[in-house]
Amino acid sequence: MNPALSIIIFTTLAGAAQGLAVVLALSQLLGAGLDNTFVARSLWVAVALAIVSLVASFFHLGRPLRAWRAAMMWRTSWMSREVIVLPVFILLVGTWAGVLTFSASPGDVTPLLPLAVIAVSALLWYCTAMIYACIRFIQEWAHPLTIVNYTVIGLASGLVLAGALGVAWGQPQFAAHLGAWAFAITTLAWLTRVLALRRNARLKPKSTLQSATGIKSPGIVQKSMGMTGGSFNTREFFHHASVAAFRRMKVIFQLCAFALPLALVVLAVASGWSAAWLVAVPIQLAGVLAERWFFFAQARHPQNLYYQVVS
């Protein structure tokens, strides 16, 4: 598939916003004793990331002014459900941040708000992942690991971001407490992503040149892309990257999204160099953007048997 930059940005930033909100909600429910000002500021960061991701998603639409129609098919479309749940997530996190910022007694925040934020974040991850996992003819996506990866990678990026905000805004003890969790969840995210990569590498396409063309000869070989010029099919369903570039991207996203953040988290906890959290955030952000590109590009649309592969 040909990855759209708007969707790459949307899934990366929205996942980080959800992860950050969930980390803050769990910290509040478990009595971490965080300063209300710090929690409010961090929640506003989550709101900002979610809004930016929402704006980015509009650039994927052919007619952005008709974006409201995307929610009309909520009974059958996972994308419509995502379109509904994302504003609910922004509203809940913004309400919680607003109460902490403007209320005369922010300590009286009911536990229902953090619980609701966790529940809606989980639902949003599920809706986003199911947009792709429900497409059965894209074998690389049609698997529970798609849901697991979206959720765990979002949590990992949220944990690293929360630790960096703790360091930047005078809560270094919070970052130190998150160290073990950030290491564990990032490791889990890497493990599940590797499992998905290995699974996808072993997939055998259900469609063949014979089924694509209707010619049953076993010796059929494709010599052209099926047409003399480009079309919607050749633009939208193939990433156009070379095999070498595709393989490099696989190494890059594992290095930046998982390996380097893990090393920096260990460095921050073991040596006390808390600035390592701040270094980890942009590296992991770049890595997750690369991972999202690879996630979409790796998907092999059956139409490419006829239109794209040239012997």
Protein backbone atom coordinates (compact mmCIF):
# COMPACT_ATOMS: atom_id res chain seq x y z
CA MET A 1 0.00 0.00 0.00
CA ASN A 2 1.03 3.62 -0.47
CA PRO A 3 1.18 5.25 3.00
CA ALA A 4 -0.51 8.65 3.30
CA LEU A 5 1.51 11.11 5.38
CA SER A 6 -1.65 12.43 7.03
CA ILE A 7 -2.60 8.99 8.34
CA ILE A 8 0.96 8.31 9.51
CA ILE A 9 0.93 11.55 11.51
CA PHE A 10 -2.58 10.94 12.80
CA THR A 11 -1.94 7.43 14.14
CA THR A 12 1.43 8.42 15.66
CA LEU A 13 0.29 11.56 17.50
CA ALA A 14 -3.10 10.19 18.54
CA GLY A 15 -1.44 7.06 19.95
CA ALA A 16 1.04 9.16 21.95
CA ALA A 17 -1.79 11.35 23.27
CA GLN A 18 -3.76 8.31 24.39
CA GLY A 19 -0.70 6.75 25.99
CA LEU A 20 0.13 9.94 27.90
CA ALA A 21 -3.46 10.33 29.12
CA VAL A 22 -3.62 6.70 30.26
CA VAL A 23 -0.31 7.00 32.14
CA LEU A 24 -1.55 10.11 33.96
CA ALA A 25 -4.92 8.51 34.71
CA LEU A 26 -3.34 5.36 36.16
CA SER A 27 -0.89 7.46 38.18
CA GLN A 28 -3.78 9.42 39.70
CA LEU A 29 -5.84 6.31 40.44
CA LEU A 30 -2.85 4.59 42.06
CA GLY A 31 -2.09 7.60 44.25
CA ALA A 32 1.22 8.67 42.78
CA GLY A 33 0.88 12.04 44.50
CA LEU A 34 1.55 14.15 41.43
CA ASP A 35 1.30 17.91 41.53
CA ASN A 36 -2.04 19.02 40.03
CA THR A 37 -0.35 21.74 37.98
CA PHE A 38 1.94 19.16 36.38
CA VAL A 39 -0.96 16.81 35.64
CA ALA A 40 -2.98 19.64 34.10
CA ARG A 41 -0.10 20.76 31.88
CA SER A 42 0.55 17.20 30.74
CA LEU A 43 -3.13 16.67 29.97
CA TRP A 44 -3.14 19.82 27.85
CA VAL A 45 -0.19 18.33 25.92
CA ALA A 46 -2.30 15.21 25.30
CA VAL A 47 -5.19 17.39 24.11
CA ALA A 48 -2.88 19.33 21.78
CA LEU A 49 -1.44 16.14 20.28
CA ALA A 50 -4.92 14.71 19.73
CA ILE A 51 -6.13 17.93 18.07
CA VAL A 52 -3.09 18.09 15.78
CA SER A 53 -3.67 14.45 14.82
CA LEU A 54 -7.33 15.21 14.09
CA VAL A 55 -6.37 18.15 11.88
CA ALA A 56 -3.81 15.99 10.07
CA SER A 57 -6.48 13.38 9.29
CA PHE A 58 -8.49 15.99 7.35
CA PHE A 59 -5.74 16.13 4.71
CA HIS A 60 -6.52 12.51 3.84
CA LEU A 61 -10.05 13.43 2.78
CA GLY A 62 -10.96 14.25 -0.79
CA ARG A 63 -13.44 16.90 0.41
CA PRO A 64 -12.60 18.01 3.98
CA LEU A 65 -15.75 20.14 4.25
CA ARG A 66 -17.77 16.94 4.18
CA ALA A 67 -15.78 15.34 6.99
CA TRP A 68 -18.86 15.24 9.23
CA ARG A 69 -20.32 12.56 6.96
CA ALA A 70 -17.56 10.18 8.05
CA ALA A 71 -19.49 9.52 11.26
CA MET A 72 -22.73 8.53 9.54
CA MET A 73 -21.81 4.87 8.99
CA TRP A 74 -21.06 4.10 12.63
CA ARG A 75 -23.17 0.94 12.58
CA THR A 76 -20.87 -0.82 10.11
CA SER A 77 -17.66 1.22 9.75
CA TRP A 78 -14.79 1.17 12.22
CA MET A 79 -13.54 4.44 10.75
CA SER A 80 -16.88 6.10 11.53
CA ARG A 81 -16.63 4.80 15.10
CA GLU A 82 -13.11 6.20 15.35
CA VAL A 83 -14.37 9.57 14.09
CA ILE A 84 -16.91 9.59 16.93
CA VAL A 85 -14.64 8.32 19.71
CA LEU A 86 -11.70 10.67 19.06
CA PRO A 87 -13.65 13.88 19.86
CA VAL A 88 -15.04 12.16 22.96
CA PHE A 89 -11.47 11.43 24.04
CA ILE A 90 -10.44 15.06 23.45
CA LEU A 91 -13.50 16.28 25.38
CA LEU A 92 -12.83 14.02 28.37
CA VAL A 93 -9.13 14.83 28.61
CA GLY A 94 -9.84 18.53 28.09
CA THR A 95 -12.51 18.47 30.80
CA TRP A 96 -10.13 16.83 33.25
CA ALA A 97 -7.37 19.32 32.39
CA GLY A 98 -9.82 22.20 32.71
CA VAL A 99 -11.00 21.10 36.15
CA LEU A 100 -7.41 20.87 37.38
CA THR A 101 -6.53 24.22 35.84
CA PHE A 102 -9.51 26.36 36.73
CA SER A 103 -11.25 24.68 39.67
CA ALA A 104 -10.88 26.22 43.14
CA SER A 105 -10.50 22.73 44.62
CA PRO A 106 -8.82 20.53 41.96
CA GLY A 107 -8.11 17.86 44.54
CA ASP A 108 -11.79 16.96 44.48
CA VAL A 109 -11.62 15.50 40.96
CA THR A 110 -13.75 12.37 40.89
CA PRO A 111 -12.01 9.09 39.93
CA LEU A 112 -14.64 8.72 37.23
CA LEU A 113 -12.77 11.11 34.93
CA PRO A 114 -9.47 9.15 34.91
CA LEU A 115 -11.41 5.89 34.57
CA ALA A 116 -13.38 7.29 31.64
CA VAL A 117 -10.18 8.51 29.98
CA ILE A 118 -8.67 5.00 30.24
CA ALA A 119 -11.82 3.35 28.86
CA VAL A 120 -12.21 5.76 25.93
CA SER A 121 -8.48 5.54 25.11
CA ALA A 122 -8.73 1.75 24.94
CA LEU A 123 -11.83 2.01 22.74
CA LEU A 124 -10.11 4.49 20.43
CA TRP A 125 -7.07 2.21 20.03
CA TYR A 126 -9.41 -0.65 19.22
CA CYS A 127 -11.40 1.34 16.66
CA THR A 128 -8.26 2.62 14.94
CA ALA A 129 -6.66 -0.82 14.75
CA MET A 130 -9.87 -2.51 13.57
CA ILE A 131 -10.03 -0.20 10.55
CA TYR A 132 -7.14 -2.29 9.23
CA ALA A 133 -7.55 -5.60 11.07
CA CYS A 134 -11.05 -6.07 9.62
CA ILE A 135 -9.80 -5.99 6.01
CA ARG A 136 -9.51 -9.73 5.45
CA PHE A 137 -7.90 -9.62 2.01
CA ILE A 138 -4.93 -7.65 3.41
CA GLN A 139 -3.31 -10.56 5.22
CA GLU A 140 -0.63 -8.43 6.88
CA TRP A 141 -3.31 -6.48 8.77
CA ALA A 142 -5.99 -9.10 9.38
CA HIS A 143 -4.63 -10.39 12.69
CA PRO A 144 -5.04 -9.62 16.43
CA LEU A 145 -1.42 -8.43 16.56
CA THR A 146 -2.55 -5.30 14.70
CA ILE A 147 -4.71 -4.35 17.68
CA VAL A 148 -1.97 -5.29 20.15
CA ASN A 149 0.66 -3.24 18.30
CA TYR A 150 -1.44 -0.09 18.08
CA THR A 151 -2.23 -0.27 21.78
CA VAL A 152 1.19 -1.18 23.13
CA ILE A 153 3.15 1.18 20.89
CA GLY A 154 0.82 4.00 21.96
CA LEU A 155 1.40 3.15 25.62
CA ALA A 156 5.17 2.97 25.11
CA SER A 157 5.31 6.40 23.45
CA GLY A 158 3.02 7.82 26.15
CA LEU A 159 5.27 6.51 28.92
CA VAL A 160 8.42 8.00 27.40
CA LEU A 161 6.64 11.31 26.81
CA ALA A 162 5.33 11.35 30.39
CA GLY A 163 8.83 10.75 31.71
CA ALA A 164 10.20 13.59 29.59
CA LEU A 165 7.48 15.97 30.79
CA GLY A 166 8.28 15.00 34.36
CA VAL A 167 11.91 15.93 33.84
CA ALA A 168 11.05 19.17 32.01
CA TRP A 169 8.44 20.35 34.54
CA GLY A 170 10.07 19.58 37.86
CA GLN A 171 8.80 16.06 38.55
CA PRO A 172 11.98 13.97 38.15
CA GLN A 173 10.80 11.45 40.74
CA PHE A 174 7.80 10.71 38.52
CA ALA A 175 10.12 9.97 35.60
CA ALA A 176 12.22 7.71 37.82
CA HIS A 177 9.12 5.76 38.87
CA LEU A 178 8.12 5.35 35.23
CA GLY A 179 11.50 3.92 34.23
CA ALA A 180 10.68 0.26 34.83
CA TRP A 181 7.27 0.57 33.19
CA ALA A 182 8.66 2.40 30.18
CA PHE A 183 11.30 -0.30 29.75
CA ALA A 184 8.80 -3.15 30.12
CA ILE A 185 6.12 -1.74 27.80
CA THR A 186 8.62 -0.64 25.13
CA THR A 187 10.17 -4.11 25.22
CA LEU A 188 6.71 -5.65 24.90
CA ALA A 189 5.93 -3.34 21.97
CA TRP A 190 9.15 -4.41 20.24
CA LEU A 191 8.46 -8.09 20.88
CA THR A 192 4.93 -7.94 19.49
CA ARG A 193 6.11 -5.96 16.47
CA VAL A 194 8.79 -8.56 15.76
CA LEU A 195 6.16 -11.30 16.04
CA ALA A 196 4.04 -9.46 13.48
CA LEU A 197 7.03 -9.03 11.17
CA ARG A 198 7.86 -12.73 11.35
CA ARG A 199 4.26 -13.71 10.77
CA ASN A 200 3.97 -11.43 7.75
CA ALA A 201 7.24 -12.71 6.29
CA ARG A 202 5.79 -16.24 6.26
CA LEU A 203 2.51 -15.29 4.58
CA LYS A 204 1.66 -16.84 1.25
CA PRO A 205 -0.58 -14.69 -0.96
CA LYS A 206 -4.03 -16.18 -1.46
CA SER A 207 -4.25 -14.53 -4.87
CA THR A 208 -1.94 -15.49 -7.71
CA LEU A 209 -1.20 -14.29 -11.22
CA GLN A 210 -3.50 -17.04 -12.42
CA SER A 211 -6.42 -15.89 -10.27
CA ALA A 212 -5.73 -12.23 -11.06
CA THR A 213 -5.78 -12.72 -14.83
CA GLY A 214 -8.03 -15.75 -15.19
CA ILE A 215 -5.30 -17.56 -17.12
CA LYS A 216 -4.69 -20.99 -15.58
CA SER A 217 -1.35 -21.73 -17.23
CA PRO A 218 1.30 -22.51 -14.55
CA GLY A 219 4.01 -20.78 -16.58
CA ILE A 220 2.43 -17.32 -16.75
CA VAL A 221 4.91 -14.48 -16.20
CA GLN A 222 4.12 -10.77 -15.87
CA LYS A 223 6.03 -8.55 -18.29
CA SER A 224 4.32 -5.18 -17.74
CA MET A 225 2.23 -3.33 -15.16
CA GLY A 226 -1.01 -3.94 -17.05
CA MET A 227 -1.21 -0.51 -18.65
CA THR A 228 1.00 2.00 -20.41
CA GLY A 229 0.56 4.82 -17.85
CA GLY A 230 -0.16 5.42 -14.20
CA SER A 231 -3.61 5.30 -12.61
CA PHE A 232 -5.32 5.45 -9.22
CA ASN A 233 -4.39 1.80 -8.74
CA THR A 234 -0.70 2.32 -9.36
CA ARG A 235 -0.59 5.42 -7.11
CA GLU A 236 -2.60 4.28 -4.11
CA PHE A 237 -1.83 0.59 -3.68
CA PHE A 238 1.96 0.47 -3.93
CA HIS A 239 4.62 2.36 -1.95
CA HIS A 240 7.07 2.72 -4.90
CA ALA A 241 10.10 2.30 -2.59
CA SER A 242 12.96 0.08 -3.66
CA VAL A 243 13.53 -3.26 -1.98
CA ALA A 244 16.70 -1.91 -0.35
CA ALA A 245 14.91 1.19 0.99
CA PHE A 246 12.08 -0.97 2.30
CA ARG A 247 14.53 -3.18 4.20
CA ARG A 248 16.39 -0.16 5.59
CA MET A 249 13.14 1.28 6.91
CA LYS A 250 12.51 -1.96 8.78
CA VAL A 251 15.84 -1.59 10.58
CA ILE A 252 15.42 2.16 11.16
CA PHE A 253 12.04 1.95 12.84
CA GLN A 254 13.14 -0.86 15.17
CA LEU A 255 16.24 1.09 16.11
CA CYS A 256 14.51 4.43 16.70
CA ALA A 257 11.13 3.31 18.05
CA PHE A 258 12.43 0.61 20.39
CA ALA A 259 16.18 0.01 20.75
CA LEU A 260 17.41 3.57 21.30
CA PRO A 261 14.54 4.62 23.62
CA LEU A 262 15.16 1.50 25.70
CA ALA A 263 18.85 2.32 25.97
CA LEU A 264 18.08 5.93 26.93
CA VAL A 265 15.56 4.90 29.58
CA VAL A 266 18.11 2.54 31.11
CA LEU A 267 20.72 5.31 30.99
CA ALA A 268 18.37 7.77 32.68
CA VAL A 269 17.49 5.38 35.50
CA ALA A 270 20.92 3.84 36.01
CA SER A 271 23.08 6.95 35.76
CA GLY A 272 20.66 9.60 36.94
CA TRP A 273 21.08 11.57 33.70
CA SER A 274 17.43 12.58 33.50
CA ALA A 275 17.92 14.52 30.26
CA ALA A 276 18.01 11.14 28.51
CA TRP A 277 14.20 11.18 28.71
CA LEU A 278 14.16 14.38 26.67
CA VAL A 279 16.47 12.87 24.06
CA ALA A 280 14.34 9.73 23.82
CA VAL A 281 11.12 11.56 22.84
CA PRO A 282 12.10 12.90 19.37
CA ILE A 283 13.99 9.69 18.55
CA GLN A 284 11.00 7.54 19.43
CA LEU A 285 8.63 9.89 17.60
CA ALA A 286 10.69 9.52 14.43
CA GLY A 287 10.80 5.77 14.95
CA VAL A 288 7.05 5.42 15.35
CA LEU A 289 6.48 7.54 12.24
CA ALA A 290 8.78 5.15 10.36
CA GLU A 291 6.99 2.16 11.89
CA ARG A 292 3.63 3.47 10.75
CA TRP A 293 5.00 3.96 7.22
CA PHE A 294 6.28 0.40 7.22
CA PHE A 295 2.98 -0.93 8.62
CA PHE A 296 1.06 0.52 5.66
CA ALA A 297 3.73 -0.12 3.02
CA GLN A 298 4.13 -3.78 3.96
CA ALA A 299 0.48 -4.50 3.21
CA ARG A 300 0.25 -6.24 -0.17
CA HIS A 301 -2.95 -5.43 -2.04
CA PRO A 302 -3.98 -8.31 -4.36
CA GLN A 303 -4.39 -5.88 -7.29
CA ASN A 304 -0.60 -5.40 -7.35
CA LEU A 305 -0.28 -8.88 -8.82
CA TYR A 306 -1.59 -7.38 -12.06
CA TYR A 307 -0.72 -3.69 -11.89
CA GLN A 308 2.61 -3.32 -10.11
CA VAL A 309 5.03 -6.25 -10.08
CA VAL A 310 7.22 -6.35 -13.17
CA SER A 311 9.44 -9.39 -13.74
